[in-house]
C-alpha cells in the first residue's frame, strides 16, 4: 500500500532540514569534539566505509555466482 503523497514529501523535508542543520552546525560539532574526537570519528567512518565496500563486493560475487548456476 502506498503512503499518501503529503507523507512522503513531509518525510523528505524533515530529512533535508536535518541535513541542513548538521551542515550549518558542523563547525560547532568539530570544535566540541576537538582534534582527538575528530580523529576518532574519522577512523570510525573509515572502518564503516571499508565494511560497506567489502559487503558490496561480496553481494556482487554472490549475484554473479547465482546467475551462473
N, C-alpha and C. Protein backbone atom coordinates (compact mmCIF):
# COMPACT_ATOMS: atom_id res chain seq x y z
N UNK A 1 0.84 -1.18 0.00
CA UNK A 1 0.00 0.00 0.00
C UNK A 1 0.88 1.24 0.00
N UNK A 2 0.57 2.16 -0.85
CA UNK A 2 1.36 3.38 -0.96
C UNK A 2 0.93 4.41 0.07
N UNK A 3 1.93 5.13 0.58
CA UNK A 3 1.59 6.18 1.53
C UNK A 3 1.13 7.41 0.77
N UNK A 4 0.40 8.28 1.43
CA UNK A 4 -0.06 9.50 0.76
C UNK A 4 1.13 10.37 0.35
N UNK A 5 0.93 11.14 -0.69
CA UNK A 5 1.99 11.99 -1.21
C UNK A 5 2.49 12.97 -0.16
N UNK A 6 1.58 13.55 0.61
CA UNK A 6 1.99 14.54 1.61
C UNK A 6 2.90 13.93 2.66
N UNK A 7 2.71 12.65 2.97
CA UNK A 7 3.55 11.99 3.97
C UNK A 7 4.97 11.80 3.43
N UNK A 8 5.08 11.42 2.18
CA UNK A 8 6.41 11.26 1.57
C UNK A 8 7.13 12.60 1.47
N UNK A 9 6.40 13.63 1.09
CA UNK A 9 7.01 14.96 0.98
C UNK A 9 7.44 15.45 2.36
N UNK A 10 6.62 15.23 3.35
CA UNK A 10 6.95 15.65 4.71
C UNK A 10 8.20 14.94 5.22
N UNK A 11 8.31 13.65 4.96
CA UNK A 11 9.48 12.89 5.40
C UNK A 11 10.74 13.39 4.71
N UNK A 12 10.65 13.69 3.45
CA UNK A 12 11.83 14.20 2.72
C UNK A 12 12.22 15.58 3.20
N UNK A 13 11.25 16.42 3.50
CA UNK A 13 11.56 17.75 4.01
C UNK A 13 12.21 17.68 5.39
N UNK A 14 11.76 16.73 6.22
CA UNK A 14 12.39 16.55 7.54
C UNK A 14 13.84 16.12 7.38
N UNK A 15 14.11 15.18 6.47
CA UNK A 15 15.49 14.74 6.24
C UNK A 15 16.34 15.88 5.72
N UNK A 16 15.80 16.65 4.78
CA UNK A 16 16.53 17.78 4.22
C UNK A 16 16.86 18.80 5.31
N UNK A 17 15.89 19.09 6.17
CA UNK A 17 16.11 20.04 7.26
C UNK A 17 17.16 19.52 8.22
N UNK A 18 17.11 18.24 8.54
CA UNK A 18 18.09 17.65 9.45
C UNK A 18 19.49 17.74 8.85
N UNK A 19 19.63 17.42 7.57
CA UNK A 19 20.94 17.51 6.92
C UNK A 19 21.45 18.95 6.91
N UNK A 20 20.55 19.90 6.62
CA UNK A 20 20.95 21.30 6.59
C UNK A 20 21.44 21.74 7.97
N UNK A 21 20.73 21.34 9.03
CA UNK A 21 21.16 21.70 10.38
C UNK A 21 22.52 21.10 10.71
N UNK A 22 22.76 19.88 10.27
CA UNK A 22 24.07 19.25 10.50
C UNK A 22 25.17 20.00 9.78
N UNK A 23 24.93 20.39 8.54
CA UNK A 23 25.94 21.13 7.77
C UNK A 23 26.20 22.50 8.38
N UNK A 24 25.15 23.17 8.80
CA UNK A 24 25.31 24.51 9.36
C UNK A 24 26.06 24.46 10.69
N UNK A 25 25.80 23.43 11.48
CA UNK A 25 26.43 23.35 12.80
C UNK A 25 27.71 22.50 12.79
N UNK A 26 28.25 22.19 11.64
CA UNK A 26 29.43 21.32 11.56
C UNK A 26 30.63 21.93 12.28
N UNK A 27 30.83 23.23 12.16
CA UNK A 27 31.97 23.85 12.83
C UNK A 27 31.85 23.77 14.35
N UNK A 28 30.63 23.88 14.86
CA UNK A 28 30.42 23.77 16.31
C UNK A 28 30.69 22.34 16.77
N UNK A 29 30.22 21.37 16.00
CA UNK A 29 30.44 19.96 16.34
C UNK A 29 31.93 19.64 16.32
N UNK A 30 32.63 20.11 15.28
CA UNK A 30 34.06 19.85 15.16
C UNK A 30 34.84 20.50 16.31
N UNK A 31 34.45 21.70 16.68
CA UNK A 31 35.13 22.39 17.78
C UNK A 31 34.85 21.68 19.11
N UNK A 32 33.64 21.16 19.28
CA UNK A 32 33.28 20.46 20.51
C UNK A 32 34.04 19.14 20.63
N UNK A 33 34.16 18.41 19.54
CA UNK A 33 34.87 17.13 19.56
C UNK A 33 36.36 17.30 19.79
N UNK A 34 36.91 18.38 19.27
CA UNK A 34 38.35 18.60 19.40
C UNK A 34 39.12 17.76 18.39
N UNK A 35 40.43 17.89 18.45
CA UNK A 35 41.29 17.19 17.48
C UNK A 35 41.18 15.67 17.65
N UNK A 36 41.26 15.20 18.88
CA UNK A 36 41.23 13.76 19.13
C UNK A 36 39.87 13.17 18.73
N UNK A 37 38.79 13.85 19.09
CA UNK A 37 37.46 13.36 18.73
C UNK A 37 37.27 13.30 17.23
N UNK A 38 37.78 14.30 16.51
CA UNK A 38 37.67 14.29 15.06
C UNK A 38 38.50 13.16 14.45
N UNK A 39 39.68 12.90 15.02
CA UNK A 39 40.50 11.78 14.52
C UNK A 39 39.80 10.44 14.75
N UNK A 40 39.21 10.27 15.93
CA UNK A 40 38.49 9.03 16.22
C UNK A 40 37.30 8.87 15.28
N UNK A 41 36.53 9.95 15.11
CA UNK A 41 35.37 9.90 14.21
C UNK A 41 35.79 9.59 12.78
N UNK A 42 36.90 10.14 12.36
CA UNK A 42 37.41 9.88 11.01
C UNK A 42 37.77 8.40 10.84
N UNK A 43 38.38 7.82 11.85
CA UNK A 43 38.74 6.39 11.77
C UNK A 43 37.50 5.50 11.78
N UNK A 44 36.51 5.87 12.57
CA UNK A 44 35.27 5.08 12.61
C UNK A 44 34.58 5.14 11.25
N UNK A 45 34.53 6.33 10.65
CA UNK A 45 33.93 6.44 9.32
C UNK A 45 34.71 5.64 8.29
N UNK A 46 36.02 5.60 8.42
CA UNK A 46 36.84 4.79 7.52
C UNK A 46 36.53 3.31 7.65
N UNK A 47 36.35 2.86 8.88
CA UNK A 47 36.01 1.45 9.10
C UNK A 47 34.63 1.13 8.53
N UNK A 48 33.67 2.03 8.70
CA UNK A 48 32.34 1.81 8.13
C UNK A 48 32.40 1.76 6.60
N UNK A 49 33.18 2.65 6.01
CA UNK A 49 33.32 2.66 4.56
C UNK A 49 33.95 1.36 4.07
N UNK A 50 34.96 0.88 4.78
CA UNK A 50 35.59 -0.39 4.41
C UNK A 50 34.61 -1.55 4.52
N UNK A 51 33.81 -1.56 5.59
CA UNK A 51 32.83 -2.64 5.77
C UNK A 51 31.78 -2.61 4.66
N UNK A 52 31.29 -1.41 4.32
CA UNK A 52 30.32 -1.30 3.23
C UNK A 52 30.94 -1.76 1.91
N UNK A 53 32.20 -1.42 1.68
CA UNK A 53 32.86 -1.81 0.44
C UNK A 53 33.00 -3.32 0.34
N UNK A 54 33.41 -3.96 1.41
CA UNK A 54 33.56 -5.42 1.41
C UNK A 54 32.20 -6.08 1.18
N UNK A 55 31.16 -5.57 1.86
CA UNK A 55 29.84 -6.15 1.69
C UNK A 55 29.34 -5.98 0.25
N UNK A 56 29.64 -4.83 -0.35
CA UNK A 56 29.24 -4.57 -1.74
C UNK A 56 29.91 -5.58 -2.68
N UNK A 57 31.18 -5.87 -2.47
CA UNK A 57 31.89 -6.84 -3.30
C UNK A 57 31.33 -8.24 -3.08
N UNK A 58 31.08 -8.60 -1.82
CA UNK A 58 30.52 -9.92 -1.52
C UNK A 58 29.15 -10.09 -2.18
N UNK A 59 28.31 -9.08 -2.11
CA UNK A 59 26.99 -9.14 -2.75
C UNK A 59 27.12 -9.28 -4.26
N UNK A 60 28.08 -8.58 -4.84
CA UNK A 60 28.30 -8.69 -6.28
C UNK A 60 28.75 -10.08 -6.70
N UNK A 61 29.66 -10.65 -5.93
CA UNK A 61 30.14 -12.00 -6.23
C UNK A 61 29.00 -13.01 -6.09
N UNK A 62 28.19 -12.85 -5.05
CA UNK A 62 27.06 -13.76 -4.84
C UNK A 62 26.07 -13.66 -5.98
N UNK A 63 25.83 -12.45 -6.48
CA UNK A 63 24.88 -12.27 -7.59
C UNK A 63 25.42 -12.92 -8.86
N UNK A 64 26.70 -12.78 -9.11
CA UNK A 64 27.30 -13.39 -10.30
C UNK A 64 27.24 -14.91 -10.19
N UNK A 65 27.56 -15.44 -9.01
CA UNK A 65 27.50 -16.91 -8.84
C UNK A 65 26.08 -17.42 -8.99
N UNK A 66 25.11 -16.66 -8.50
CA UNK A 66 23.71 -17.10 -8.62
C UNK A 66 23.25 -17.07 -10.08
N UNK A 67 23.72 -16.09 -10.84
CA UNK A 67 23.31 -16.01 -12.24
C UNK A 67 23.99 -17.08 -13.10
N UNK A 68 25.15 -17.57 -12.66
CA UNK A 68 25.83 -18.62 -13.43
C UNK A 68 25.27 -20.01 -13.12
N UNK A 69 24.62 -20.18 -12.02
CA UNK A 69 24.10 -21.50 -11.65
C UNK A 69 22.77 -21.78 -12.30
